[in-house]
Amino acid sequence: RGNPVLEAIKHVGKEYGDIVADFQVGRTTGVLFLSLKYHRLHPEYVHSRIEKLGHSYTLRILLILCDVVSALLSQTCLINNITVIVAFSVDEAGHYLATFKQFENRPPDMIKERVDKDYNSVLRSALTSISKVNKTDVETLRTSFGSFADIARASSDQLSNLPGFGQVKVKNIKNAFEKPIRNKA
């Protein structure tokens, strides 16, 4: 009851009860709230809360009030299959919770990316996620190399010979396929 986010939740009803999560926005969604200032003082707190939460909810969310910077928290959530939502103020955190509650019974179609399931569409979606790569570049890559695997195996020289492929674009493509996903900073 002393959570500062409670005052910022507007336009939806609130009930108080004995639940494992800090907030429950529907039968299957539990939200843990964490201020990064508090996390810096008590880093073990989030681990104990996640452990207590267990698999009580289908969708488990960690709503973070970003009042400092912490990279380890992202790693903890990734390992424990927790969705991270970052708020930069108590009001924003309250707005997120109210929105979750308002949308609890709506299908996820409104926010899901609409990607066709055919090979070319999936290829386009994957490759355009690389910085500087556009749809025309994807078509050039597809016609030049054929498959995703062949594109991934292409050398920097092969990529540089393609029209519209400069040094930066080639570097971004090679990094996307060769660099580790997690940066150990």
Protein backbone atom coordinates (compact mmCIF):
# COMPACT_ATOMS: atom_id res chain seq x y z
CA ARG A 1 0.00 0.00 0.00
CA GLY A 2 2.97 2.30 0.39
CA ASN A 3 4.08 1.90 -3.23
CA PRO A 4 4.41 5.36 -4.86
CA VAL A 5 3.11 3.99 -8.17
CA LEU A 6 -0.35 3.45 -6.66
CA GLU A 7 -1.02 7.18 -6.70
CA ALA A 8 -0.07 7.36 -10.38
CA ILE A 9 -2.49 4.63 -11.53
CA LYS A 10 -5.49 6.41 -13.01
CA HIS A 11 -8.67 5.51 -14.92
CA VAL A 12 -8.82 1.91 -13.67
CA GLY A 13 -10.08 0.35 -10.47
CA LYS A 14 -7.67 -0.79 -7.79
CA GLU A 15 -8.08 -3.60 -5.31
CA TYR A 16 -5.75 -4.52 -2.50
CA GLY A 17 -5.07 -8.16 -1.77
CA ASP A 18 -2.47 -10.68 -0.71
CA ILE A 19 -0.66 -11.56 -3.96
CA VAL A 20 2.89 -12.63 -4.81
CA ALA A 21 3.41 -9.89 -7.41
CA ASP A 22 3.35 -6.17 -6.65
CA PHE A 23 0.51 -5.70 -9.13
CA GLN A 24 -1.82 -8.09 -10.91
CA VAL A 25 -3.29 -6.80 -14.15
CA GLY A 26 -5.56 -9.67 -15.11
CA ARG A 27 -5.67 -13.28 -14.02
CA THR A 28 -2.48 -14.29 -15.84
CA THR A 29 -0.27 -11.18 -15.63
CA GLY A 30 1.84 -10.33 -12.60
CA VAL A 31 4.00 -7.21 -12.36
CA LEU A 32 6.97 -6.69 -10.06
CA PHE A 33 7.96 -3.06 -9.52
CA LEU A 34 11.57 -2.08 -8.88
CA SER A 35 13.23 1.27 -8.42
CA LEU A 36 16.84 1.07 -9.59
CA LYS A 37 17.89 3.21 -6.62
CA TYR A 38 16.47 0.51 -4.34
CA HIS A 39 18.09 -2.18 -6.49
CA ARG A 40 21.50 -0.58 -6.00
CA LEU A 41 21.05 -0.73 -2.23
CA HIS A 42 19.53 -4.24 -2.19
CA PRO A 43 20.62 -6.14 -5.34
CA GLU A 44 19.45 -9.48 -3.91
CA TYR A 45 15.86 -8.21 -3.57
CA VAL A 46 14.86 -8.74 -7.20
CA HIS A 47 16.20 -12.31 -7.18
CA SER A 48 14.17 -13.23 -4.10
CA ARG A 49 11.04 -11.62 -5.57
CA ILE A 50 11.45 -13.49 -8.89
CA GLU A 51 11.98 -16.72 -6.96
CA LYS A 52 8.80 -16.13 -4.92
CA LEU A 53 6.90 -15.24 -8.09
CA GLY A 54 7.84 -18.60 -9.59
CA HIS A 55 5.51 -19.51 -12.43
CA SER A 56 2.39 -18.07 -10.80
CA TYR A 57 1.63 -16.00 -13.91
CA THR A 58 1.74 -16.66 -17.64
CA LEU A 59 3.16 -13.19 -18.29
CA ARG A 60 5.63 -11.99 -15.67
CA ILE A 61 6.76 -8.37 -16.00
CA LEU A 62 9.42 -6.39 -14.20
CA LEU A 63 8.43 -2.72 -14.30
CA ILE A 64 11.60 -0.76 -13.66
CA LEU A 65 11.66 2.83 -12.47
CA CYS A 66 14.84 4.03 -14.17
CA ASP A 67 16.43 6.39 -11.70
CA VAL A 68 19.96 4.94 -12.22
CA VAL A 69 21.69 2.68 -14.80
CA SER A 70 22.08 -1.12 -14.31
CA ALA A 71 23.12 -3.69 -16.92
CA LEU A 72 22.96 -6.75 -14.65
CA LEU A 73 19.20 -6.36 -14.22
CA SER A 74 18.63 -6.98 -17.93
CA GLN A 75 20.69 -10.16 -17.71
CA THR A 76 18.71 -11.38 -14.67
CA CYS A 77 15.41 -10.81 -16.49
CA LEU A 78 16.64 -12.52 -19.66
CA ILE A 79 17.74 -15.60 -17.71
CA ASN A 80 14.41 -15.78 -15.85
CA ASN A 81 12.15 -15.09 -18.87
CA ILE A 82 10.86 -11.80 -17.45
CA THR A 83 9.62 -9.01 -19.72
CA VAL A 84 11.29 -5.69 -18.88
CA ILE A 85 9.44 -2.40 -19.04
CA VAL A 86 11.33 0.73 -18.06
CA ALA A 87 9.60 3.82 -16.68
CA PHE A 88 11.42 7.08 -16.13
CA SER A 89 8.96 8.43 -13.57
CA VAL A 90 6.41 7.13 -11.09
CA ASP A 91 3.63 8.64 -13.24
CA GLU A 92 4.86 6.73 -16.29
CA ALA A 93 4.96 3.48 -14.28
CA GLY A 94 1.38 4.11 -13.14
CA HIS A 95 0.33 4.80 -16.72
CA TYR A 96 1.83 1.47 -17.85
CA LEU A 97 -0.05 -0.43 -15.14
CA ALA A 98 -3.34 1.28 -15.98
CA THR A 99 -2.83 0.52 -19.68
CA PHE A 100 -2.06 -3.15 -18.93
CA LYS A 101 -5.30 -3.37 -16.97
CA GLN A 102 -7.32 -1.68 -19.72
CA PHE A 103 -5.95 -4.09 -22.33
CA GLU A 104 -6.02 -7.29 -20.25
CA ASN A 105 -8.86 -8.92 -22.23
CA ARG A 106 -7.89 -7.64 -25.67
CA PRO A 107 -6.08 -9.84 -28.16
CA PRO A 108 -2.38 -9.10 -28.75
CA ASP A 109 -3.00 -8.52 -32.47
CA MET A 110 -3.03 -4.75 -31.97
CA ILE A 111 0.63 -4.63 -30.94
CA LYS A 112 2.07 -7.65 -32.72
CA GLU A 113 4.25 -7.06 -35.74
CA ARG A 114 2.54 -8.23 -38.89
CA VAL A 115 5.04 -10.35 -40.76
CA ASP A 116 4.06 -12.62 -43.59
CA LYS A 117 5.22 -16.18 -43.15
CA ASP A 118 6.67 -16.71 -46.63
CA TYR A 119 10.45 -17.06 -46.95
CA ASN A 120 11.08 -13.73 -48.69
CA SER A 121 9.09 -11.78 -46.07
CA VAL A 122 10.90 -13.45 -43.18
CA LEU A 123 14.25 -12.84 -44.91
CA ARG A 124 13.35 -9.18 -45.49
CA SER A 125 12.28 -8.74 -41.87
CA ALA A 126 15.46 -10.33 -40.52
CA LEU A 127 17.89 -8.46 -42.76
CA THR A 128 16.27 -5.02 -42.54
CA SER A 129 16.75 -5.22 -38.77
CA ILE A 130 20.46 -4.68 -39.52
CA SER A 131 21.35 -0.99 -39.45
CA LYS A 132 21.61 0.63 -42.93
CA VAL A 133 20.08 -2.41 -44.73
CA ASN A 134 16.89 -1.57 -46.65
CA LYS A 135 14.43 -3.63 -48.72
CA THR A 136 16.33 -2.98 -51.96
CA ASP A 137 19.52 -4.26 -50.31
CA VAL A 138 17.70 -7.40 -49.18
CA GLU A 139 16.56 -8.05 -52.75
CA THR A 140 20.13 -7.57 -53.98
CA LEU A 141 21.42 -9.99 -51.34
CA ARG A 142 18.72 -12.55 -52.11
CA THR A 143 19.31 -12.52 -55.86
CA SER A 144 23.10 -12.55 -55.45
CA PHE A 145 23.44 -15.24 -52.79
CA GLY A 146 20.11 -17.09 -52.75
CA SER A 147 19.68 -18.19 -49.15
CA PHE A 148 20.04 -16.68 -45.70
CA ALA A 149 22.86 -19.12 -44.94
CA ASP A 150 24.76 -18.08 -48.07
CA ILE A 151 24.30 -14.40 -47.19
CA ALA A 152 25.66 -15.10 -43.70
CA ARG A 153 28.71 -16.88 -45.18
CA ALA A 154 29.45 -14.16 -47.75
CA SER A 155 32.84 -12.49 -47.41
CA SER A 156 33.31 -8.76 -46.98
CA ASP A 157 34.78 -8.62 -50.50
CA GLN A 158 31.73 -10.34 -52.00
CA LEU A 159 29.40 -7.93 -50.20
CA SER A 160 31.48 -4.88 -51.19
CA ASN A 161 31.11 -5.79 -54.87
CA LEU A 162 27.31 -5.46 -54.70
CA PRO A 163 25.75 -2.20 -55.91
CA GLY A 164 24.90 0.14 -53.01
CA PHE A 165 27.02 -1.74 -50.48
CA GLY A 166 29.62 0.55 -48.96
CA GLN A 167 32.09 -0.01 -46.19
CA VAL A 168 29.66 0.82 -43.34
CA LYS A 169 26.83 -1.39 -44.62
CA VAL A 170 29.19 -4.32 -45.20
CA LYS A 171 30.64 -3.89 -41.69
CA ASN A 172 27.13 -3.85 -40.16
CA ILE A 173 26.14 -7.01 -42.03
CA LYS A 174 29.33 -8.86 -41.05
CA ASN A 175 28.93 -7.76 -37.42
CA ALA A 176 25.32 -8.97 -37.36
CA PHE A 177 26.41 -12.46 -38.37
CA GLU A 178 29.78 -12.75 -36.65
CA LYS A 179 29.76 -10.78 -33.39
CA PRO A 180 28.38 -12.39 -30.23
CA ILE A 181 24.88 -11.28 -29.30
CA ARG A 182 25.83 -10.33 -25.75
CA ASN A 183 28.50 -7.76 -25.20
CA LYS A 184 30.64 -8.45 -22.12
CA ALA A 185 31.14 -4.84 -21.06
